[in-house]
């Protein structure tokens, strides 16, 4: 996860933004304005579109959600085998 810095000529609190990566792939980012409590996910890949616009307490929580989404669906394979 990488932090992006936004610089302005006016003094004001900075927007916080982090790139969310799985392995070498950048799959989205989260950002929040100074007046927001949570981070909003912005998908960079259609595979993660279901997370687009969701809000997370921390960038790590967004990364965990993306990793869960990226995992193969083992429970479907197990159900078919039984």
N, C-alpha and C. Protein backbone atom coordinates (compact mmCIF):
# COMPACT_ATOMS: atom_id res chain seq x y z
N UNK A 1 0.85 -1.15 0.00
CA UNK A 1 0.00 0.00 0.00
C UNK A 1 0.91 1.22 0.00
N UNK A 2 0.61 2.18 -0.89
CA UNK A 2 1.41 3.39 -1.02
C UNK A 2 0.55 4.60 -0.73
N UNK A 3 1.11 5.60 -0.08
CA UNK A 3 0.36 6.82 0.19
C UNK A 3 0.65 7.84 -0.90
N UNK A 4 -0.40 8.48 -1.39
CA UNK A 4 -0.26 9.57 -2.35
C UNK A 4 -0.35 10.88 -1.60
N UNK A 5 0.41 11.85 -2.00
CA UNK A 5 0.37 13.17 -1.37
C UNK A 5 -0.16 14.18 -2.39
N UNK A 6 -1.12 14.99 -1.97
CA UNK A 6 -1.65 16.04 -2.81
C UNK A 6 -1.20 17.37 -2.22
N UNK A 7 -0.53 18.19 -3.02
CA UNK A 7 0.02 19.45 -2.54
C UNK A 7 -0.76 20.60 -3.17
N UNK A 8 -1.07 21.58 -2.37
CA UNK A 8 -1.81 22.75 -2.82
C UNK A 8 -1.06 23.99 -2.38
N UNK A 9 -1.26 25.08 -3.10
CA UNK A 9 -0.61 26.33 -2.70
C UNK A 9 -1.31 26.97 -1.50
N UNK A 10 -2.56 26.60 -1.25
CA UNK A 10 -3.30 27.10 -0.10
C UNK A 10 -3.09 26.19 1.10
N UNK A 11 -2.87 26.77 2.27
CA UNK A 11 -2.77 25.91 3.45
C UNK A 11 -4.13 25.35 3.83
N UNK A 12 -4.25 24.05 3.85
CA UNK A 12 -5.46 23.35 4.27
C UNK A 12 -5.09 21.91 4.57
N UNK A 13 -5.89 21.23 5.34
CA UNK A 13 -5.60 19.82 5.62
C UNK A 13 -5.57 19.02 4.32
N UNK A 14 -4.66 18.09 4.25
CA UNK A 14 -4.47 17.31 3.03
C UNK A 14 -5.46 16.17 2.91
N UNK A 15 -5.82 15.88 1.67
CA UNK A 15 -6.59 14.69 1.36
C UNK A 15 -5.68 13.49 1.60
N UNK A 16 -6.20 12.45 2.21
CA UNK A 16 -5.42 11.24 2.41
C UNK A 16 -5.84 10.23 1.35
N UNK A 17 -4.86 9.63 0.68
CA UNK A 17 -5.16 8.62 -0.34
C UNK A 17 -4.08 7.56 -0.32
N UNK A 18 -4.50 6.30 -0.50
CA UNK A 18 -3.59 5.17 -0.50
C UNK A 18 -3.93 4.26 -1.68
N UNK A 19 -2.91 3.80 -2.37
CA UNK A 19 -3.09 2.82 -3.44
C UNK A 19 -3.21 1.45 -2.79
N UNK A 20 -4.20 0.66 -3.22
CA UNK A 20 -4.39 -0.69 -2.72
C UNK A 20 -3.83 -1.65 -3.76
N UNK A 21 -2.92 -2.49 -3.32
CA UNK A 21 -2.25 -3.44 -4.22
C UNK A 21 -2.42 -4.86 -3.71
N UNK A 22 -2.51 -5.79 -4.64
CA UNK A 22 -2.44 -7.21 -4.33
C UNK A 22 -1.30 -7.74 -5.19
N UNK A 23 -0.23 -8.16 -4.54
CA UNK A 23 0.98 -8.52 -5.28
C UNK A 23 1.51 -7.28 -5.96
N UNK A 24 1.72 -7.38 -7.26
CA UNK A 24 2.22 -6.23 -8.04
C UNK A 24 1.09 -5.44 -8.69
N UNK A 25 -0.14 -5.91 -8.55
CA UNK A 25 -1.28 -5.27 -9.22
C UNK A 25 -1.89 -4.17 -8.36
N UNK A 26 -2.08 -3.01 -8.95
CA UNK A 26 -2.79 -1.92 -8.30
C UNK A 26 -4.26 -2.08 -8.63
N UNK A 27 -5.06 -2.45 -7.64
CA UNK A 27 -6.44 -2.80 -7.90
C UNK A 27 -7.42 -1.67 -7.55
N UNK A 28 -6.94 -0.66 -6.86
CA UNK A 28 -7.79 0.47 -6.51
C UNK A 28 -7.09 1.41 -5.57
N UNK A 29 -7.85 2.34 -5.05
CA UNK A 29 -7.30 3.23 -4.03
C UNK A 29 -8.41 3.61 -3.07
N UNK A 30 -8.00 4.08 -1.92
CA UNK A 30 -8.94 4.62 -0.94
C UNK A 30 -8.53 6.06 -0.65
N UNK A 31 -9.52 6.89 -0.40
CA UNK A 31 -9.22 8.28 -0.08
C UNK A 31 -10.25 8.81 0.90
N UNK A 32 -9.86 9.86 1.60
CA UNK A 32 -10.81 10.59 2.46
C UNK A 32 -10.36 12.03 2.57
N UNK A 33 -11.35 12.89 2.67
CA UNK A 33 -11.10 14.31 2.90
C UNK A 33 -10.92 14.51 4.40
N UNK A 34 -10.36 15.63 4.80
CA UNK A 34 -10.13 15.88 6.23
C UNK A 34 -11.40 15.84 7.07
N UNK A 35 -12.54 16.15 6.48
CA UNK A 35 -13.80 16.16 7.24
C UNK A 35 -14.50 14.80 7.25
N UNK A 36 -13.89 13.78 6.64
CA UNK A 36 -14.49 12.45 6.60
C UNK A 36 -13.82 11.52 7.61
N UNK A 37 -14.61 10.61 8.14
CA UNK A 37 -14.08 9.64 9.10
C UNK A 37 -13.54 8.40 8.40
N UNK A 38 -14.24 7.93 7.36
CA UNK A 38 -13.89 6.70 6.67
C UNK A 38 -13.24 6.96 5.32
N UNK A 39 -12.58 5.92 4.80
CA UNK A 39 -11.97 5.95 3.48
C UNK A 39 -12.95 5.37 2.47
N UNK A 40 -13.01 5.94 1.29
CA UNK A 40 -13.87 5.44 0.21
C UNK A 40 -13.01 4.71 -0.81
N UNK A 41 -13.43 3.50 -1.19
CA UNK A 41 -12.70 2.68 -2.16
C UNK A 41 -13.08 3.10 -3.58
N UNK A 42 -12.07 3.22 -4.43
CA UNK A 42 -12.27 3.53 -5.85
C UNK A 42 -11.57 2.42 -6.63
N UNK A 43 -12.34 1.61 -7.33
CA UNK A 43 -11.80 0.45 -8.05
C UNK A 43 -11.02 0.89 -9.28
N UNK A 44 -9.86 0.26 -9.50
CA UNK A 44 -9.06 0.50 -10.69
C UNK A 44 -9.19 -0.67 -11.66
N UNK A 45 -9.89 -1.72 -11.23
CA UNK A 45 -10.06 -2.92 -12.03
C UNK A 45 -11.52 -3.36 -11.94
N UNK A 46 -12.08 -3.81 -13.05
CA UNK A 46 -13.48 -4.24 -13.04
C UNK A 46 -13.70 -5.43 -12.11
N UNK A 47 -12.66 -6.22 -11.84
CA UNK A 47 -12.77 -7.36 -10.94
C UNK A 47 -13.10 -6.92 -9.51
N UNK A 48 -12.85 -5.66 -9.19
CA UNK A 48 -13.07 -5.15 -7.83
C UNK A 48 -14.17 -4.09 -7.81
N UNK A 49 -14.97 -4.05 -8.85
CA UNK A 49 -16.04 -3.05 -8.96
C UNK A 49 -17.05 -3.17 -7.82
N UNK A 50 -17.23 -4.37 -7.28
CA UNK A 50 -18.20 -4.54 -6.19
C UNK A 50 -17.78 -3.78 -4.93
N UNK A 51 -16.49 -3.43 -4.82
CA UNK A 51 -16.01 -2.65 -3.67
C UNK A 51 -16.09 -1.13 -3.92
N UNK A 52 -16.31 -0.76 -5.18
CA UNK A 52 -16.30 0.65 -5.57
C UNK A 52 -17.34 1.43 -4.76
N UNK A 53 -16.88 2.49 -4.11
CA UNK A 53 -17.76 3.34 -3.32
C UNK A 53 -17.97 2.88 -1.89
N UNK A 54 -17.52 1.67 -1.56
CA UNK A 54 -17.67 1.20 -0.17
C UNK A 54 -16.73 1.99 0.73
N UNK A 55 -17.14 2.12 1.98
CA UNK A 55 -16.36 2.91 2.95
C UNK A 55 -15.72 1.97 3.96
N UNK A 56 -14.47 2.30 4.33
CA UNK A 56 -13.69 1.48 5.25
C UNK A 56 -13.05 2.37 6.30
N UNK A 57 -12.92 1.83 7.51
CA UNK A 57 -12.32 2.58 8.61
C UNK A 57 -10.84 2.86 8.39
N UNK A 58 -10.15 1.91 7.74
CA UNK A 58 -8.71 2.05 7.49
C UNK A 58 -8.37 1.54 6.10
N UNK A 59 -7.24 1.98 5.54
CA UNK A 59 -6.79 1.41 4.27
C UNK A 59 -6.57 -0.10 4.37
N UNK A 60 -6.08 -0.57 5.52
CA UNK A 60 -5.86 -2.00 5.72
C UNK A 60 -7.15 -2.80 5.63
N UNK A 61 -8.25 -2.24 6.13
CA UNK A 61 -9.54 -2.91 6.04
C UNK A 61 -9.98 -3.03 4.58
N UNK A 62 -9.72 -2.03 3.79
CA UNK A 62 -10.05 -2.07 2.36
C UNK A 62 -9.19 -3.12 1.65
N UNK A 63 -7.92 -3.18 2.00
CA UNK A 63 -7.03 -4.17 1.40
C UNK A 63 -7.48 -5.59 1.76
N UNK A 64 -7.88 -5.80 2.99
CA UNK A 64 -8.37 -7.12 3.42
C UNK A 64 -9.62 -7.52 2.64
N UNK A 65 -10.53 -6.58 2.43
CA UNK A 65 -11.75 -6.86 1.67
C UNK A 65 -11.40 -7.23 0.22
N UNK A 66 -10.44 -6.53 -0.35
CA UNK A 66 -10.01 -6.82 -1.72
C UNK A 66 -9.36 -8.20 -1.80
N UNK A 67 -8.56 -8.56 -0.82
CA UNK A 67 -7.94 -9.88 -0.81
C UNK A 67 -9.00 -10.99 -0.69
N UNK A 68 -10.00 -10.77 0.14
CA UNK A 68 -11.09 -11.76 0.26
C UNK A 68 -11.81 -11.92 -1.07
N UNK A 69 -12.06 -10.82 -1.75
CA UNK A 69 -12.73 -10.86 -3.04
C UNK A 69 -11.89 -11.57 -4.09
N UNK A 70 -10.57 -11.43 -4.00
CA UNK A 70 -9.68 -12.04 -4.98
C UNK A 70 -9.48 -13.53 -4.78
N UNK A 71 -9.79 -14.03 -3.57
CA UNK A 71 -9.61 -15.46 -3.28
C UNK A 71 -10.53 -16.32 -4.13
N UNK A 72 -10.04 -17.48 -4.55
CA UNK A 72 -10.91 -18.41 -5.28
C UNK A 72 -12.06 -18.86 -4.37
N UNK A 73 -13.18 -19.14 -4.95
CA UNK A 73 -14.37 -19.55 -4.21
C UNK A 73 -14.35 -21.05 -3.95
N UNK A 74 -13.68 -21.47 -2.89
CA UNK A 74 -13.56 -22.90 -2.57
C UNK A 74 -14.89 -23.50 -2.16
N UNK A 75 -15.74 -22.76 -1.47
CA UNK A 75 -16.98 -23.34 -0.98
C UNK A 75 -17.88 -23.80 -2.12
N UNK A 76 -17.86 -23.14 -3.29
CA UNK A 76 -18.64 -23.59 -4.43
C UNK A 76 -18.13 -24.94 -4.95
N UNK A 77 -16.82 -25.11 -5.00
CA UNK A 77 -16.24 -26.37 -5.47
C UNK A 77 -16.57 -27.49 -4.50
N UNK A 78 -16.53 -27.20 -3.21
CA UNK A 78 -16.85 -28.22 -2.23
C UNK A 78 -18.31 -28.63 -2.31
N UNK A 79 -19.19 -27.69 -2.55
CA UNK A 79 -20.62 -27.98 -2.64
C UNK A 79 -20.89 -28.85 -3.86
N UNK A 80 -20.23 -28.61 -4.98
CA UNK A 80 -20.42 -29.41 -6.18
C UNK A 80 -19.91 -30.83 -6.01
N UNK A 81 -18.88 -31.01 -5.21
CA UNK A 81 -18.29 -32.33 -4.99
C UNK A 81 -19.16 -33.22 -4.12
N UNK A 82 -20.03 -32.64 -3.31
CA UNK A 82 -20.83 -33.47 -2.40
C UNK A 82 -22.14 -33.92 -2.98
